[in-house]
């Protein structure tokens, strides 16, 4: 399994970026890819073209064109790693992402992330999405370890 964080360039230097927590402890499962509007990552676009990658959207982030894919059917998961506003812009400006099958996380809990404002109701931050994907995929030990790191970071 591979989780790709399609990351806006501003997130690389933000102290509030939660995706970086997963990069430190994910045993190569999580990989960060710089999002570039005019030069999309070729490996990522190839995975989408071959129906080998799924775009994860959490509640509140989902577009109106969401197709209901089954996350268990995919070994490559794409998460847009950015602020909510930037994530929507990334999606809107990336035709290749619109071609990807999409999955919406259904969680009973709201986000516990406190370090950023303007979160949509029901929306999760990047690390919370990663933790949920790991749980769905049976990677419970890694999910628990990341949950502890997130709790310390979010403190």
Protein backbone atom coordinates (compact mmCIF):
# COMPACT_ATOMS: atom_id res chain seq x y z
CA UNK A 1 0.00 0.00 0.00
CA UNK A 2 1.11 3.54 -0.78
CA UNK A 3 -0.39 6.85 0.32
CA UNK A 4 0.59 9.80 -1.84
CA UNK A 5 0.34 13.26 -0.30
CA UNK A 6 -0.19 15.65 -3.19
CA UNK A 7 1.17 18.68 -1.40
CA UNK A 8 0.87 22.39 -2.12
CA UNK A 9 4.30 24.05 -2.01
CA UNK A 10 3.31 26.27 0.94
CA UNK A 11 2.70 23.19 3.10
CA UNK A 12 6.36 22.18 2.98
CA UNK A 13 7.23 25.04 5.36
CA UNK A 14 4.11 25.32 7.53
CA UNK A 15 4.56 24.29 11.14
CA UNK A 16 0.87 23.31 11.18
CA UNK A 17 1.19 20.72 8.38
CA UNK A 18 0.09 17.35 9.71
CA UNK A 19 1.14 15.35 6.65
CA UNK A 20 4.75 15.70 7.75
CA UNK A 21 3.96 13.62 10.86
CA UNK A 22 3.18 10.63 8.67
CA UNK A 23 6.31 11.07 6.58
CA UNK A 24 8.47 10.69 9.67
CA UNK A 25 6.91 7.43 10.91
CA UNK A 26 5.26 5.66 8.00
CA UNK A 27 7.94 3.16 6.91
CA UNK A 28 7.79 4.35 3.29
CA UNK A 29 4.02 3.88 3.04
CA UNK A 30 3.51 7.65 2.80
CA UNK A 31 5.21 9.66 0.07
CA UNK A 32 4.97 13.40 -0.52
CA UNK A 33 4.63 14.73 -4.07
CA UNK A 34 4.81 18.44 -4.85
CA UNK A 35 1.65 19.59 -6.63
CA UNK A 36 2.43 21.57 -9.77
CA UNK A 37 -0.46 22.92 -11.82
CA UNK A 38 1.32 22.91 -15.18
CA UNK A 39 3.60 19.93 -14.59
CA UNK A 40 1.69 17.09 -12.88
CA UNK A 41 3.66 14.17 -11.51
CA UNK A 42 3.93 11.61 -14.31
CA UNK A 43 3.90 8.55 -12.05
CA UNK A 44 0.76 9.77 -10.32
CA UNK A 45 -1.06 10.59 -13.55
CA UNK A 46 -0.11 7.17 -14.92
CA UNK A 47 -1.57 5.45 -11.84
CA UNK A 48 -4.82 7.38 -12.31
CA UNK A 49 -4.96 6.63 -16.05
CA UNK A 50 -4.52 2.92 -15.30
CA UNK A 51 -7.21 3.00 -12.57
CA UNK A 52 -4.60 2.06 -9.99
CA UNK A 53 -5.06 5.03 -7.64
CA UNK A 54 -7.96 6.42 -5.65
CA UNK A 55 -8.44 10.04 -4.60
CA UNK A 56 -9.50 10.34 -0.98
CA UNK A 57 -11.90 13.10 -0.02
CA UNK A 58 -13.01 13.47 3.57
CA UNK A 59 -16.48 14.64 4.54
CA UNK A 60 -16.97 18.29 3.67
CA UNK A 61 -14.23 18.26 1.02
CA UNK A 62 -16.02 16.17 -1.57
CA UNK A 63 -16.81 17.50 -5.00
CA UNK A 64 -20.18 17.13 -6.66
CA UNK A 65 -18.68 14.71 -9.20
CA UNK A 66 -17.70 12.05 -6.67
CA UNK A 67 -17.83 8.48 -7.88
CA UNK A 68 -18.24 5.94 -5.13
CA UNK A 69 -15.18 3.72 -5.29
CA UNK A 70 -14.28 1.05 -2.75
CA UNK A 71 -11.07 1.93 -0.94
CA UNK A 72 -10.24 -1.72 -0.25
CA UNK A 73 -9.88 -2.24 -4.03
CA UNK A 74 -6.95 0.20 -4.27
CA UNK A 75 -3.36 -0.02 -3.08
CA UNK A 76 -2.54 3.58 -4.08
CA UNK A 77 -4.34 6.35 -2.22
CA UNK A 78 -3.99 10.06 -3.07
CA UNK A 79 -4.66 12.71 -0.42
CA UNK A 80 -4.48 16.42 -1.23
CA UNK A 81 -2.28 17.87 1.51
CA UNK A 82 -3.08 21.55 1.84
CA UNK A 83 -5.42 24.00 3.49
CA UNK A 84 -9.10 23.40 2.73
CA UNK A 85 -9.22 26.36 0.36
CA UNK A 86 -6.01 25.37 -1.43
CA UNK A 87 -7.16 21.73 -1.67
CA UNK A 88 -10.30 22.78 -3.51
CA UNK A 89 -8.22 24.92 -5.89
CA UNK A 90 -5.80 22.04 -6.48
CA UNK A 91 -8.69 19.74 -7.34
CA UNK A 92 -10.33 22.32 -9.61
CA UNK A 93 -7.07 23.08 -11.44
CA UNK A 94 -6.05 19.44 -11.94
CA UNK A 95 -8.05 17.72 -14.68
CA UNK A 96 -6.25 14.43 -14.01
CA UNK A 97 -7.53 14.35 -10.40
CA UNK A 98 -11.11 14.65 -11.64
CA UNK A 99 -10.55 11.42 -13.60
CA UNK A 100 -9.53 9.48 -10.49
CA UNK A 101 -12.05 7.29 -8.70
CA UNK A 102 -12.94 8.94 -5.42
CA UNK A 103 -13.69 7.79 -1.91
CA UNK A 104 -15.23 9.79 0.92
CA UNK A 105 -14.34 8.86 4.48
CA UNK A 106 -17.35 8.38 6.69
CA UNK A 107 -16.37 8.96 10.30
CA UNK A 108 -18.49 9.45 13.37
CA UNK A 109 -16.06 11.95 14.88
CA UNK A 110 -15.37 15.52 13.88
CA UNK A 111 -11.79 16.61 13.42
CA UNK A 112 -9.85 17.22 16.62
CA UNK A 113 -7.35 19.44 14.80
CA UNK A 114 -7.02 22.80 16.57
CA UNK A 115 -4.12 24.52 14.83
CA UNK A 116 -5.92 25.87 11.75
CA UNK A 117 -9.11 27.82 11.29
CA UNK A 118 -11.86 27.58 8.66
CA UNK A 119 -12.23 23.80 8.69
CA UNK A 120 -15.47 22.64 7.09
CA UNK A 121 -17.84 20.77 9.36
CA UNK A 122 -17.02 17.07 9.28
CA UNK A 123 -13.71 17.64 7.50
CA UNK A 124 -10.55 15.90 8.66
CA UNK A 125 -6.96 17.11 8.50
CA UNK A 126 -4.35 15.19 6.49
CA UNK A 127 -3.02 13.06 9.36
CA UNK A 128 -6.54 12.14 10.47
CA UNK A 129 -7.28 10.95 6.92
CA UNK A 130 -4.06 8.92 6.87
CA UNK A 131 -4.92 7.33 10.22
CA UNK A 132 -8.39 6.35 8.98
CA UNK A 133 -6.98 4.87 5.74
CA UNK A 134 -4.44 2.85 7.73
CA UNK A 135 -7.22 1.51 9.96
CA UNK A 136 -9.36 0.56 6.96
CA UNK A 137 -6.36 -1.18 5.39
CA UNK A 138 -5.59 -3.15 8.56
CA UNK A 139 -2.45 -1.20 9.52
CA UNK A 140 -3.68 -0.73 13.10
CA UNK A 141 -0.28 -0.49 14.80
CA UNK A 142 0.91 2.29 12.51
CA UNK A 143 -2.46 4.05 12.77
CA UNK A 144 -2.23 3.99 16.58
CA UNK A 145 1.34 5.29 16.55
CA UNK A 146 0.37 8.17 14.24
CA UNK A 147 -2.67 8.95 16.41
CA UNK A 148 -0.38 9.36 19.42
CA UNK A 149 2.00 11.61 17.46
CA UNK A 150 -0.93 13.69 16.23
CA UNK A 151 -2.30 14.06 19.77
CA UNK A 152 1.12 15.31 20.95
CA UNK A 153 1.44 17.66 17.95
CA UNK A 154 -2.10 18.98 18.34
CA UNK A 155 -1.74 19.33 22.13
